[in-house]
PDB file of N, CA and C in Angstrom:
ATOM      1  N   MET A   1      97.510  80.812 110.425  1.00  0.00           N
ATOM      2  CA  MET A   1      98.125  79.719 110.865  1.00  0.00           C
ATOM      3  C   MET A   1      98.263  79.909 112.325  1.00  0.00           C
ATOM      4  N   SER A   2      98.606  80.953 112.812  1.00  0.00           N
ATOM      5  CA  SER A   2      98.641  81.252 114.311  1.00  0.00           C
ATOM      6  C   SER A   2      97.380  81.158 114.926  1.00  0.00           C
ATOM      7  N   ALA A   3      96.177  81.540 114.341  1.00  0.00           N
ATOM      8  CA  ALA A   3      94.781  81.394 114.954  1.00  0.00           C
ATOM      9  C   ALA A   3      94.632  79.795 115.029  1.00  0.00           C
ATOM     10  N   TYR A   4      95.001  79.089 113.989  1.00  0.00           N
ATOM     11  CA  TYR A   4      94.640  77.713 114.034  1.00  0.00           C
ATOM     12  C   TYR A   4      95.534  77.045 115.181  1.00  0.00           C
ATOM     13  N   LEU A   5      96.728  77.336 115.312  1.00  0.00           N
ATOM     14  CA  LEU A   5      97.509  76.766 116.471  1.00  0.00           C
ATOM     15  C   LEU A   5      97.083  77.136 117.794  1.00  0.00           C
ATOM     16  N   VAL A   6      96.693  78.450 118.080  1.00  0.00           N
ATOM     17  CA  VAL A   6      95.944  78.852 119.189  1.00  0.00           C
ATOM     18  C   VAL A   6      94.715  77.954 119.541  1.00  0.00           C
ATOM     19  N   TYR A   7      93.756  77.851 118.336  1.00  0.00           N
ATOM     20  CA  TYR A   7      92.448  77.154 118.479  1.00  0.00           C
ATOM     21  C   TYR A   7      92.963  75.626 118.851  1.00  0.00           C
ATOM     22  N   SER A   8      93.936  74.981 118.269  1.00  0.00           N
ATOM     23  CA  SER A   8      94.167  73.706 118.326  1.00  0.00           C
ATOM     24  C   SER A   8      94.662  73.383 119.693  1.00  0.00           C
ATOM     25  N   ILE A   9      95.506  74.299 120.376  1.00  0.00           N
ATOM     26  CA  ILE A   9      95.924  74.194 121.769  1.00  0.00           C
ATOM     27  C   ILE A   9      94.824  74.239 122.767  1.00  0.00           C
ATOM     28  N   SER A  10      93.924  75.370 122.394  1.00  0.00           N
ATOM     29  CA  SER A  10      92.929  75.578 123.425  1.00  0.00           C
ATOM     30  C   SER A  10      91.776  74.461 123.419  1.00  0.00           C
ATOM     31  N   THR A  11      91.689  73.820 122.375  1.00  0.00           N
ATOM     32  CA  THR A  11      90.606  72.827 122.351  1.00  0.00           C
ATOM     33  C   THR A  11      90.965  71.462 122.419  1.00  0.00           C
ATOM     34  N   ARG A  12      92.244  71.165 122.586  1.00  0.00           N
ATOM     35  CA  ARG A  12      92.653  69.778 122.756  1.00  0.00           C
ATOM     36  C   ARG A  12      92.275  69.238 124.163  1.00  0.00           C
ATOM     37  N   GLY A  13      92.045  67.954 124.044  1.00  0.00           N
ATOM     38  CA  GLY A  13      91.698  67.197 125.271  1.00  0.00           C
ATOM     39  C   GLY A  13      92.788  67.158 126.312  1.00  0.00           C
ATOM     40  N   SER A  14      92.589  66.901 127.611  1.00  0.00           N
ATOM     41  CA  SER A  14      93.590  66.795 128.584  1.00  0.00           C
ATOM     42  C   SER A  14      94.222  65.274 128.554  1.00  0.00           C
ATOM     43  N   PHE A  15      93.527  64.410 127.852  1.00  0.00           N
ATOM     44  CA  PHE A  15      94.058  62.992 127.719  1.00  0.00           C
ATOM     45  C   PHE A  15      93.658  62.340 126.352  1.00  0.00           C
ATOM     46  N   ASP A  16      94.429  61.420 126.089  1.00  0.00           N
ATOM     47  CA  ASP A  16      94.133  60.442 124.832  1.00  0.00           C
ATOM     48  C   ASP A  16      93.876  59.089 125.603  1.00  0.00           C
ATOM     49  N   ARG A  17      93.104  58.319 124.787  1.00  0.00           N
ATOM     50  CA  ARG A  17      92.663  57.013 125.086  1.00  0.00           C
ATOM     51  C   ARG A  17      92.725  56.141 123.825  1.00  0.00           C
ATOM     52  N   ALA A  18      92.979  54.819 124.104  1.00  0.00           N
ATOM     53  CA  ALA A  18      92.909  53.792 122.965  1.00  0.00           C
ATOM     54  C   ALA A  18      92.573  52.509 123.738  1.00  0.00           C
ATOM     55  N   VAL A  19      91.576  51.765 123.235  1.00  0.00           N
ATOM     56  CA  VAL A  19      91.049  50.477 123.594  1.00  0.00           C
ATOM     57  C   VAL A  19      91.196  49.521 122.506  1.00  0.00           C
ATOM     58  N   ASN A  20      91.923  48.397 122.853  1.00  0.00           N
ATOM     59  CA  ASN A  20      92.126  47.446 121.883  1.00  0.00           C
ATOM     60  C   ASN A  20      91.674  46.210 122.513  1.00  0.00           C
ATOM     61  N   GLN A  21      90.884  45.309 121.735  1.00  0.00           N
ATOM     62  CA  GLN A  21      90.487  44.073 122.176  1.00  0.00           C
ATOM     63  C   GLN A  21      91.741  42.960 121.718  1.00  0.00           C
ATOM     64  N   ILE A  22      92.021  42.158 123.012  1.00  0.00           N
ATOM     65  CA  ILE A  22      92.966  41.261 122.872  1.00  0.00           C
ATOM     66  C   ILE A  22      92.460  40.014 122.090  1.00  0.00           C
ATOM     67  N   ARG A  23      93.114  39.952 120.957  1.00  0.00           N
ATOM     68  CA  ARG A  23      92.613  38.885 119.931  1.00  0.00           C
ATOM     69  C   ARG A  23      92.887  37.438 120.057  1.00  0.00           C
ATOM     70  N   GLN A  24      93.786  37.078 120.997  1.00  0.00           N
ATOM     71  CA  GLN A  24      94.235  35.812 121.190  1.00  0.00           C
ATOM     72  C   GLN A  24      93.887  35.283 122.419  1.00  0.00           C
ATOM     73  N   PRO A  25      92.898  34.390 122.688  1.00  0.00           N
ATOM     74  CA  PRO A  25      91.928  34.138 121.796  1.00  0.00           C
ATOM     75  C   PRO A  25      90.831  35.222 121.653  1.00  0.00           C
ATOM     76  N   LEU A  26      89.866  35.167 120.827  1.00  0.00           N
ATOM     77  CA  LEU A  26      88.995  36.164 120.490  1.00  0.00           C
ATOM     78  C   LEU A  26      88.039  36.276 121.676  1.00  0.00           C
ATOM     79  N   TYR A  27      87.668  35.098 122.243  1.00  0.00           N
ATOM     80  CA  TYR A  27      86.873  35.045 123.547  1.00  0.00           C
ATOM     81  C   TYR A  27      87.122  33.753 124.096  1.00  0.00           C
ATOM     82  N   VAL A  28      86.648  33.641 125.327  1.00  0.00           N
ATOM     83  CA  VAL A  28      86.971  32.433 126.182  1.00  0.00           C
ATOM     84  C   VAL A  28      85.539  32.017 126.714  1.00  0.00           C
ATOM     85  N   VAL A  29      85.383  30.776 126.528  1.00  0.00           N
ATOM     86  CA  VAL A  29      84.091  30.069 127.071  1.00  0.00           C
ATOM     87  C   VAL A  29      84.655  29.540 128.520  1.00  0.00           C
ATOM     88  N   LEU A  30      84.091  30.077 129.516  1.00  0.00           N
ATOM     89  CA  LEU A  30      84.536  29.695 130.900  1.00  0.00           C
ATOM     90  C   LEU A  30      83.792  28.302 131.345  1.00  0.00           C
ATOM     91  N   SER A  31      84.257  27.653 132.389  1.00  0.00           N
ATOM     92  CA  SER A  31      83.628  26.476 132.858  1.00  0.00           C
ATOM     93  C   SER A  31      82.319  26.547 133.203  1.00  0.00           C
ATOM     94  N   ASP A  32      81.832  27.687 133.706  1.00  0.00           N
ATOM     95  CA  ASP A  32      80.569  27.898 134.025  1.00  0.00           C
ATOM     96  C   ASP A  32      79.461  28.376 132.789  1.00  0.00           C
ATOM     97  N   GLY A  33      80.123  28.401 131.611  1.00  0.00           N
ATOM     98  CA  GLY A  33      79.540  28.814 130.407  1.00  0.00           C
ATOM     99  C   GLY A  33      79.541  30.227 130.019  1.00  0.00           C
ATOM    100  N   ASP A  34      80.053  31.114 130.874  1.00  0.00           N
ATOM    101  CA  ASP A  34      80.137  32.596 130.792  1.00  0.00           C
ATOM    102  C   ASP A  34      81.248  32.741 129.706  1.00  0.00           C
ATOM    103  N   ILE A  35      80.982  33.811 129.052  1.00  0.00           N
ATOM    104  CA  ILE A  35      81.815  34.244 127.876  1.00  0.00           C
ATOM    105  C   ILE A  35      82.613  35.394 128.304  1.00  0.00           C
ATOM    106  N   ARG A  36      83.984  35.327 128.070  1.00  0.00           N
ATOM    107  CA  ARG A  36      84.765  36.455 128.432  1.00  0.00           C
ATOM    108  C   ARG A  36      85.659  36.932 127.353  1.00  0.00           C
ATOM    109  N   ASN A  37      85.664  38.333 127.047  1.00  0.00           N
ATOM    110  CA  ASN A  37      86.492  39.005 126.270  1.00  0.00           C
ATOM    111  C   ASN A  37      87.420  39.921 127.140  1.00  0.00           C
ATOM    112  N   ARG A  38      88.718  40.072 126.535  1.00  0.00           N
ATOM    113  CA  ARG A  38      89.651  40.955 127.177  1.00  0.00           C
ATOM    114  C   ARG A  38      90.058  42.016 126.338  1.00  0.00           C
ATOM    115  N   TYR A  39      90.444  43.216 126.976  1.00  0.00           N
ATOM    116  CA  TYR A  39      90.725  44.435 126.521  1.00  0.00           C
ATOM    117  C   TYR A  39      91.906  45.003 127.031  1.00  0.00           C
ATOM    118  N   GLN A  40      92.741  45.755 126.303  1.00  0.00           N
ATOM    119  CA  GLN A  40      93.753  46.724 126.843  1.00  0.00           C
ATOM    120  C   GLN A  40      93.581  48.216 126.736  1.00  0.00           C
ATOM    121  N   ILE A  41      93.430  48.763 127.846  1.00  0.00           N
ATOM    122  CA  ILE A  41      93.145  50.287 127.787  1.00  0.00           C
ATOM    123  C   ILE A  41      94.362  51.087 127.993  1.00  0.00           C
ATOM    124  N   ARG A  42      94.699  51.996 126.964  1.00  0.00           N
ATOM    125  CA  ARG A  42      95.776  52.885 127.310  1.00  0.00           C
ATOM    126  C   ARG A  42      95.318  54.259 127.346  1.00  0.00           C
ATOM    127  N   ILE A  43      95.847  54.928 128.493  1.00  0.00           N
ATOM    128  CA  ILE A  43      95.486  56.334 128.738  1.00  0.00           C
ATOM    129  C   ILE A  43      96.701  57.119 128.691  1.00  0.00           C
ATOM    130  N   THR A  44      96.797  58.169 128.041  1.00  0.00           N
ATOM    131  CA  THR A  44      97.942  59.235 127.984  1.00  0.00           C
ATOM    132  C   THR A  44      97.519  60.527 128.619  1.00  0.00           C
ATOM    133  N   ASN A  45      98.187  60.864 129.692  1.00  0.00           N
ATOM    134  CA  ASN A  45      97.853  62.196 130.473  1.00  0.00           C
ATOM    135  C   ASN A  45      98.457  63.371 129.598  1.00  0.00           C
ATOM    136  N   LYS A  46      97.777  64.157 128.987  1.00  0.00           N
ATOM    137  CA  LYS A  46      98.278  65.415 128.306  1.00  0.00           C
ATOM    138  C   LYS A  46      98.238  66.729 129.193  1.00  0.00           C
ATOM    139  N   ALA A  47      97.736  66.485 130.427  1.00  0.00           N
ATOM    140  CA  ALA A  47      97.567  67.652 131.203  1.00  0.00           C
ATOM    141  C   ALA A  47      98.972  67.989 131.944  1.00  0.00           C
ATOM    142  N   ALA A  48      99.037  69.058 132.694  1.00  0.00           N
ATOM    143  CA  ALA A  48     100.272  69.656 133.269  1.00  0.00           C
ATOM    144  C   ALA A  48     100.488  69.087 134.713  1.00  0.00           C
ATOM    145  N   GLU A  49      99.503  68.311 135.191  1.00  0.00           N
ATOM    146  CA  GLU A  49      99.615  67.720 136.535  1.00  0.00           C
ATOM    147  C   GLU A  49      99.153  66.281 136.515  1.00  0.00           C
ATOM    148  N   ASP A  50      99.414  65.538 137.605  1.00  0.00           N
ATOM    149  CA  ASP A  50      98.927  64.322 137.880  1.00  0.00           C
ATOM    150  C   ASP A  50      97.475  64.221 137.541  1.00  0.00           C
ATOM    151  N   GLN A  51      96.876  63.129 137.057  1.00  0.00           N
ATOM    152  CA  GLN A  51      95.494  63.128 136.930  1.00  0.00           C
ATOM    153  C   GLN A  51      95.015  61.585 137.172  1.00  0.00           C
ATOM    154  N   THR A  52      93.870  61.490 137.933  1.00  0.00           N
ATOM    155  CA  THR A  52      93.416  60.100 138.210  1.00  0.00           C
ATOM    156  C   THR A  52      92.039  60.029 137.230  1.00  0.00           C
ATOM    157  N   TYR A  53      92.127  58.762 136.622  1.00  0.00           N
ATOM    158  CA  TYR A  53      90.990  58.454 135.807  1.00  0.00           C
ATOM    159  C   TYR A  53      90.175  57.272 136.266  1.00  0.00           C
ATOM    160  N   MET A  54      88.844  57.403 136.054  1.00  0.00           N
ATOM    161  CA  MET A  54      87.976  56.325 136.437  1.00  0.00           C
ATOM    162  C   MET A  54      87.466  55.674 135.157  1.00  0.00           C
ATOM    163  N   ILE A  55      87.523  54.306 135.193  1.00  0.00           N
ATOM    164  CA  ILE A  55      86.965  53.485 134.012  1.00  0.00           C
ATOM    165  C   ILE A  55      85.675  52.855 134.437  1.00  0.00           C
ATOM    166  N   SER A  56      84.736  53.055 133.497  1.00  0.00           N
ATOM    167  CA  SER A  56      83.363  52.274 133.733  1.00  0.00           C
ATOM    168  C   SER A  56      82.970  51.823 132.270  1.00  0.00           C
ATOM    169  N   ALA A  57      81.793  51.168 132.399  1.00  0.00           N
ATOM    170  CA  ALA A  57      81.190  50.720 131.267  1.00  0.00           C
ATOM    171  C   ALA A  57      79.735  51.184 131.121  1.00  0.00           C
ATOM    172  N   ARG A  58      79.349  51.198 129.817  1.00  0.00           N
ATOM    173  CA  ARG A  58      77.957  51.602 129.508  1.00  0.00           C
ATOM    174  C   ARG A  58      77.506  50.572 128.567  1.00  0.00           C
ATOM    175  N   GLY A  59      76.335  49.981 128.856  1.00  0.00           N
ATOM    176  CA  GLY A  59      75.651  48.960 127.934  1.00  0.00           C
ATOM    177  C   GLY A  59      75.780  47.624 128.396  1.00  0.00           C
ATOM    178  N   ILE A  60      76.433  47.377 129.532  1.00  0.00           N
ATOM    179  CA  ILE A  60      76.535  46.020 130.114  1.00  0.00           C
ATOM    180  C   ILE A  60      76.436  46.276 131.697  1.00  0.00           C
ATOM    181  N   PRO A  61      76.100  45.285 132.380  1.00  0.00           N
ATOM    182  CA  PRO A  61      76.068  45.441 133.932  1.00  0.00           C
ATOM    183  C   PRO A  61      77.492  45.772 134.458  1.00  0.00           C
ATOM    184  N   GLN A  62      77.665  46.715 135.479  1.00  0.00           N
ATOM    185  CA  GLN A  62      78.812  47.162 135.941  1.00  0.00           C
ATOM    186  C   GLN A  62      79.750  46.041 136.465  1.00  0.00           C
ATOM    187  N   GLU A  63      79.042  44.981 137.124  1.00  0.00           N
ATOM    188  CA  GLU A  63      79.749  43.789 137.604  1.00  0.00           C
ATOM    189  C   GLU A  63      80.311  43.100 136.508  1.00  0.00           C
ATOM    190  N   ALA A  64      79.926  43.211 135.309  1.00  0.00           N
ATOM    191  CA  ALA A  64      80.407  42.284 134.139  1.00  0.00           C
ATOM    192  C   ALA A  64      81.886  43.010 133.800  1.00  0.00           C
ATOM    193  N   LEU A  65      82.176  44.012 134.107  1.00  0.00           N
ATOM    194  CA  LEU A  65      83.516  44.695 133.929  1.00  0.00           C
ATOM    195  C   LEU A  65      84.445  44.430 135.102  1.00  0.00           C
ATOM    196  N   ASP A  66      85.648  43.706 134.766  1.00  0.00           N
ATOM    197  CA  ASP A  66      86.555  43.381 135.639  1.00  0.00           C
ATOM    198  C   ASP A  66      87.991  44.023 135.413  1.00  0.00           C
ATOM    199  N   LEU A  67      88.394  45.055 136.185  1.00  0.00           N
ATOM    200  CA  LEU A  67      89.606  45.858 136.084  1.00  0.00           C
ATOM    201  C   LEU A  67      90.651  45.445 136.984  1.00  0.00           C
ATOM    202  N   GLY A  68      90.510  44.176 137.597  1.00  0.00           N
ATOM    203  CA  GLY A  68      91.472  43.767 138.653  1.00  0.00           C
ATOM    204  C   GLY A  68      91.539  44.666 139.788  1.00  0.00           C
ATOM    205  N   ASN A  69      92.648  45.148 140.185  1.00  0.00           N
ATOM    206  CA  ASN A  69      92.736  46.014 141.189  1.00  0.00           C
ATOM    207  C   ASN A  69      92.530  47.613 140.868  1.00  0.00           C
ATOM    208  N   PHE A  70      92.180  47.850 139.613  1.00  0.00           N
ATOM    209  CA  PHE A  70      92.149  49.133 138.950  1.00  0.00           C
ATOM    210  C   PHE A  70      90.743  49.795 138.807  1.00  0.00           C
ATOM    211  N   ARG A  71      90.182  50.440 139.678  1.00  0.00           N
ATOM    212  CA  ARG A  71      88.837  51.070 139.343  1.00  0.00           C
ATOM    213  C   ARG A  71      89.219  52.452 138.761  1.00  0.00           C
ATOM    214  N   GLU A  72      90.480  52.881 139.331  1.00  0.00           N
ATOM    215  CA  GLU A  72      90.959  54.114 138.850  1.00  0.00           C
ATOM    216  C   GLU A  72      92.474  53.987 138.671  1.00  0.00           C
ATOM    217  N   ILE A  73      93.053  54.964 138.031  1.00  0.00           N
ATOM    218  CA  ILE A  73      94.496  54.980 137.788  1.00  0.00           C
ATOM    219  C   ILE A  73      94.977  56.338 137.630  1.00  0.00           C
ATOM    220  N   THR A  74      96.242  56.651 138.444  1.00  0.00           N
ATOM    221  CA  THR A  74      96.707  57.946 138.306  1.00  0.00           C
ATOM    222  C   THR A  74      97.915  57.939 137.450  1.00  0.00           C
ATOM    223  N   ILE A  75      97.971  58.937 136.620  1.00  0.00           N
ATOM    224  CA  ILE A  75      99.023  58.965 135.532  1.00  0.00           C
ATOM    225  C   ILE A  75      99.663  60.249 135.698  1.00  0.00           C
ATOM    226  N   LYS A  76     101.169  60.339 135.558  1.00  0.00           N
ATOM    227  CA  LYS A  76     101.918  61.531 135.728  1.00  0.00           C
ATOM    228  C   LYS A  76     101.867  62.344 134.314  1.00  0.00           C
ATOM    229  N   PRO A  77     101.986  63.651 134.381  1.00  0.00           N
ATOM    230  CA  PRO A  77     101.793  64.474 133.032  1.00  0.00           C
ATOM    231  C   PRO A  77     102.703  63.848 132.101  1.00  0.00           C
ATOM    232  N   GLY A  78     102.289  63.757 130.766  1.00  0.00           N
ATOM    233  CA  GLY A  78     103.109  63.228 129.746  1.00  0.00           C
ATOM    234  C   GLY A  78     103.445  61.773 129.848  1.00  0.00           C
ATOM    235  N   HIS A  79     102.798  61.055 130.568  1.00  0.00           N
ATOM    236  CA  HIS A  79     102.927  59.638 130.707  1.00  0.00           C
ATOM    237  C   HIS A  79     101.738  58.810 130.340  1.00  0.00           C
ATOM    238  N   SER A  80     101.784  57.549 130.021  1.00  0.00           N
ATOM    239  CA  SER A  80     100.560  56.810 129.764  1.00  0.00           C
ATOM    240  C   SER A  80     100.584  55.497 130.672  1.00  0.00           C
ATOM    241  N   GLY A  81      99.324  55.211 130.871  1.00  0.00           N
ATOM    242  CA  GLY A  81      99.145  54.102 131.788  1.00  0.00           C
ATOM    243  C   GLY A  81      98.289  52.894 131.051  1.00  0.00           C
ATOM    244  N   LEU A  82      98.586  51.699 131.263  1.00  0.00           N
ATOM    245  CA  LEU A  82      97.740  50.600 130.724  1.00  0.00           C
ATOM    246  C   LEU A  82      97.044  49.803 131.842  1.00  0.00           C
ATOM    247  N   VAL A  83      95.875  49.517 131.393  1.00  0.00           N
ATOM    248  CA  VAL A  83      94.972  48.787 132.188  1.00  0.00           C
ATOM    249  C   VAL A  83      94.394  47.559 131.504  1.00  0.00           C
ATOM    250  N   GLN A  84      94.554  46.383 132.013  1.00  0.00           N
ATOM    251  CA  GLN A  84      93.874  45.292 131.471  1.00  0.00           C
ATOM    252  C   GLN A  84      92.420  45.054 131.982  1.00  0.00           C
ATOM    253  N   ALA A  85      91.562  44.785 131.013  1.00  0.00           N
ATOM    254  CA  ALA A  85      90.073  44.662 131.447  1.00  0.00           C
ATOM    255  C   ALA A  85      89.436  43.404 130.825  1.00  0.00           C
ATOM    256  N   SER A  86      88.620  42.765 131.496  1.00  0.00           N
ATOM    257  CA  SER A  86      87.931  41.720 131.101  1.00  0.00           C
ATOM    258  C   SER A  86      86.438  42.023 131.248  1.00  0.00           C
ATOM    259  N   VAL A  87      85.546  41.368 130.310  1.00  0.00           N
ATOM    260  CA  VAL A  87      84.179  41.648 130.442  1.00  0.00           C
ATOM    261  C   VAL A  87      83.575  40.031 130.349  1.00  0.00           C
ATOM    262  N   ARG A  88      82.932  39.794 131.336  1.00  0.00           N
ATOM    263  CA  ARG A  88      82.289  38.390 131.618  1.00  0.00           C
ATOM    264  C   ARG A  88      80.830  38.471 131.447  1.00  0.00           C
ATOM    265  N   LEU A  89      80.107  37.815 130.521  1.00  0.00           N
ATOM    266  CA  LEU A  89      78.691  37.792 130.431  1.00  0.00           C
ATOM    267  C   LEU A  89      78.215  36.495 130.390  1.00  0.00           C
ATOM    268  N   PRO A  90      76.913  36.224 130.876  1.00  0.00           N
ATOM    269  CA  PRO A  90      76.354  34.967 130.845  1.00  0.00           C
ATOM    270  C   PRO A  90      75.967  34.575 129.346  1.00  0.00           C
ATOM    271  N   PRO A  91      75.901  33.348 129.013  1.00  0.00           N
ATOM    272  CA  PRO A  91      75.678  33.069 127.573  1.00  0.00           C
ATOM    273  C   PRO A  91      74.451  33.800 126.814  1.00  0.00           C
ATOM    274  N   ALA A  92      73.539  33.780 127.517  1.00  0.00           N
ATOM    275  CA  ALA A  92      72.134  34.303 126.987  1.00  0.00           C
ATOM    276  C   ALA A  92      72.446  35.902 126.738  1.00  0.00           C
ATOM    277  N   GLN A  93      73.180  36.539 127.657  1.00  0.00           N
ATOM    278  CA  GLN A  93      73.386  37.990 127.508  1.00  0.00           C
ATOM    279  C   GLN A  93      74.476  38.323 126.456  1.00  0.00           C
ATOM    280  N   ALA A  94      75.355  37.246 126.486  1.00  0.00           N
ATOM    281  CA  ALA A  94      76.697  37.527 125.533  1.00  0.00           C
ATOM    282  C   ALA A  94      76.030  37.397 124.126  1.00  0.00           C
ATOM    283  N   THR A  95      75.015  36.581 123.719  1.00  0.00           N
ATOM    284  CA  THR A  95      74.592  36.436 122.398  1.00  0.00           C
ATOM    285  C   THR A  95      73.900  37.800 121.971  1.00  0.00           C
ATOM    286  N   GLN A  96      73.279  38.507 122.852  1.00  0.00           N
ATOM    287  CA  GLN A  96      72.645  39.610 122.611  1.00  0.00           C
ATOM    288  C   GLN A  96      73.341  40.952 122.537  1.00  0.00           C
ATOM    289  N   THR A  97      74.544  40.698 123.245  1.00  0.00           N
ATOM    290  CA  THR A  97      75.373  41.830 123.321  1.00  0.00           C
ATOM    291  C   THR A  97      76.632  41.963 122.259  1.00  0.00           C
ATOM    292  N   GLN A  98      76.368  42.861 121.173  1.00  0.00           N
ATOM    293  CA  GLN A  98      77.308  43.032 120.143  1.00  0.00           C
ATOM    294  C   GLN A  98      78.405  43.884 120.458  1.00  0.00           C
ATOM    295  N   GLY A  99      78.201  44.974 121.379  1.00  0.00           N
ATOM    296  CA  GLY A  99      79.137  45.829 121.892  1.00  0.00           C
ATOM    297  C   GLY A  99      78.861  46.590 123.049  1.00  0.00           C
ATOM    298  N   PHE A 100      79.623  47.464 123.593  1.00  0.00           N
ATOM    299  CA  PHE A 100      79.304  48.281 124.538  1.00  0.00           C
ATOM    300  C   PHE A 100      80.280  49.524 124.763  1.00  0.00           C
ATOM    301  N   GLU A 101      80.258  50.534 125.490  1.00  0.00           N
ATOM    302  CA  GLU A 101      81.079  51.536 125.605  1.00  0.00           C
ATOM    303  C   GLU A 101      82.067  51.389 126.851  1.00  0.00           C
ATOM    304  N   LEU A 102      83.229  51.690 126.814  1.00  0.00           N
ATOM    305  CA  LEU A 102      84.116  51.851 127.943  1.00  0.00           C
ATOM    306  C   LEU A 102      84.255  53.420 128.286  1.00  0.00           C
ATOM    307  N   VAL A 103      84.073  53.897 129.281  1.00  0.00           N
ATOM    308  CA  VAL A 103      83.952  55.399 129.712  1.00  0.00           C
ATOM    309  C   VAL A 103      85.203  55.632 130.438  1.00  0.00           C
ATOM    310  N   ILE A 104      85.922  56.595 130.157  1.00  0.00           N
ATOM    311  CA  ILE A 104      87.102  57.031 130.832  1.00  0.00           C
ATOM    312  C   ILE A 104      86.801  58.634 131.361  1.00  0.00           C
ATOM    313  N   THR A 105      86.775  58.732 132.720  1.00  0.00           N
ATOM    314  CA  THR A 105      86.335  60.035 133.193  1.00  0.00           C
ATOM    315  C   THR A 105      87.574  60.627 134.037  1.00  0.00           C
ATOM    316  N   PRO A 106      88.106  61.895 133.876  1.00  0.00           N
ATOM    317  CA  PRO A 106      89.146  62.298 134.839  1.00  0.00           C
ATOM    318  C   PRO A 106      88.345  62.682 136.076  1.00  0.00           C
ATOM    319  N   GLN A 107      89.041  62.378 137.122  1.00  0.00           N
ATOM    320  CA  GLN A 107      88.464  62.614 138.466  1.00  0.00           C
ATOM    321  C   GLN A 107      88.245  64.187 138.647  1.00  0.00           C
ATOM    322  N   GLY A 108      87.013  64.522 139.122  1.00  0.00           N
ATOM    323  CA  GLY A 108      86.627  65.936 139.366  1.00  0.00           C
ATOM    324  C   GLY A 108      86.355  66.747 137.880  1.00  0.00           C
ATOM    325  N   LYS A 109      86.440  65.937 136.760  1.00  0.00           N
ATOM    326  CA  LYS A 109      86.057  66.717 135.438  1.00  0.00           C
ATOM    327  C   LYS A 109      85.162  65.778 134.775  1.00  0.00           C
ATOM    328  N   PRO A 110      83.975  65.557 134.962  1.00  0.00           N
ATOM    329  CA  PRO A 110      82.966  64.681 134.542  1.00  0.00           C
ATOM    330  C   PRO A 110      82.756  65.239 132.998  1.00  0.00           C
ATOM    331  N   ALA A 111      82.826  66.574 132.691  1.00  0.00           N
ATOM    332  CA  ALA A 111      82.545  67.031 131.423  1.00  0.00           C
ATOM    333  C   ALA A 111      83.693  66.591 130.460  1.00  0.00           C
ATOM    334  N   GLU A 112      84.814  66.214 130.840  1.00  0.00           N
ATOM    335  CA  GLU A 112      85.851  65.685 130.003  1.00  0.00           C
ATOM    336  C   GLU A 112      85.890  64.149 129.708  1.00  0.00           C
ATOM    337  N   ALA A 113      84.740  63.425 130.204  1.00  0.00           N
ATOM    338  CA  ALA A 113      84.689  61.997 129.910  1.00  0.00           C
ATOM    339  C   ALA A 113      84.711  61.616 128.582  1.00  0.00           C
ATOM    340  N   ARG A 114      85.305  60.677 128.091  1.00  0.00           N
ATOM    341  CA  ARG A 114      85.394  60.194 126.785  1.00  0.00           C
ATOM    342  C   ARG A 114      85.059  58.676 126.797  1.00  0.00           C
ATOM    343  N   SER A 115      84.146  58.445 125.794  1.00  0.00           N
ATOM    344  CA  SER A 115      83.840  56.854 125.512  1.00  0.00           C
ATOM    345  C   SER A 115      84.534  56.241 124.381  1.00  0.00           C
ATOM    346  N   GLU A 116      84.581  54.995 124.357  1.00  0.00           N
ATOM    347  CA  GLU A 116      85.206  54.260 123.303  1.00  0.00           C
ATOM    348  C   GLU A 116      84.284  53.062 123.099  1.00  0.00           C
ATOM    349  N   ALA A 117      83.701  53.001 121.892  1.00  0.00           N
ATOM    350  CA  ALA A 117      82.720  51.797 121.519  1.00  0.00           C
ATOM    351  C   ALA A 117      83.482  50.527 121.299  1.00  0.00           C
ATOM    352  N   VAL A 118      83.244  49.495 121.812  1.00  0.00           N
ATOM    353  CA  VAL A 118      84.063  48.243 121.684  1.00  0.00           C
ATOM    354  C   VAL A 118      83.061  47.070 121.364  1.00  0.00           C
ATOM    355  N   ARG A 119      83.697  46.141 120.705  1.00  0.00           N
ATOM    356  CA  ARG A 119      82.879  44.916 120.264  1.00  0.00           C
ATOM    357  C   ARG A 119      83.001  43.881 121.331  1.00  0.00           C
ATOM    358  N   PHE A 120      81.904  43.129 121.430  1.00  0.00           N
ATOM    359  CA  PHE A 120      82.093  41.872 122.286  1.00  0.00           C
ATOM    360  C   PHE A 120      81.674  40.831 121.478  1.00  0.00           C
ATOM    361  N   ASP A 121      82.628  39.813 121.384  1.00  0.00           N
ATOM    362  CA  ASP A 121      82.432  38.556 120.618  1.00  0.00           C
ATOM    363  C   ASP A 121      82.131  37.394 121.425  1.00  0.00           C
ATOM    364  N   SER A 122      81.245  36.530 120.869  1.00  0.00           N
ATOM    365  CA  SER A 122      80.924  35.286 121.493  1.00  0.00           C
ATOM    366  C   SER A 122      80.908  34.169 120.420  1.00  0.00           C
ATOM    367  N   PRO A 123      80.702  32.906 120.906  1.00  0.00           N
ATOM    368  CA  PRO A 123      80.760  31.778 119.907  1.00  0.00           C
ATOM    369  C   PRO A 123      79.639  31.742 118.916  1.00  0.00           C
ATOM    370  N   SER A 124      78.434  32.416 119.171  1.00  0.00           N
ATOM    371  CA  SER A 124      77.554  32.470 118.284  1.00  0.00           C
ATOM    372  C   SER A 124      77.678  33.685 117.115  1.00  0.00           C
ATOM    373  N   ARG A 125      78.469  34.481 117.419  1.00  0.00           N
ATOM    374  CA  ARG A 125      78.814  35.673 116.568  1.00  0.00           C
ATOM    375  C   ARG A 125      80.263  36.093 116.508  1.00  0.00           C
ATOM    376  N   PRO A 126      81.132  35.076 116.118  1.00  0.00           N
ATOM    377  CA  PRO A 126      82.430  35.452 116.091  1.00  0.00           C
ATOM    378  C   PRO A 126      82.789  36.502 114.987  1.00  0.00           C
ATOM    379  N   ARG A 127      83.812  37.292 115.039  1.00  0.00           N
ATOM    380  CA  ARG A 127      84.116  38.263 113.972  1.00  0.00           C
ATOM    381  C   ARG A 127      84.560  37.648 112.737  1.00  0.00           C
TER     382      ARG A 127
END
């Protein structure tokens, strides 16, 4: 049991993350025809010092991801931070995009990056 405890502590990540799609409404069709989905990203810093995290996307154009003023967020040890994100895609691309990945990377620690697969909903493919 002691060996498991040591293993568990030594292999745990320095942060947790959770990404939830905001479901009300499932998607929005904007006046120019683009489709927007919204997400809430929660990052919990489990490290012993302040840590800055960068948020990016894989599988969609970088300019499609809107984090407002937050390209990065600094979180104190033992605390969590929330970031609201929206993804906006043109109609043609939205119908072909079923999902993508949000990638959270601790600053200066690219090996500890974690990704979360998320769904992208559009009028032609509601959930």
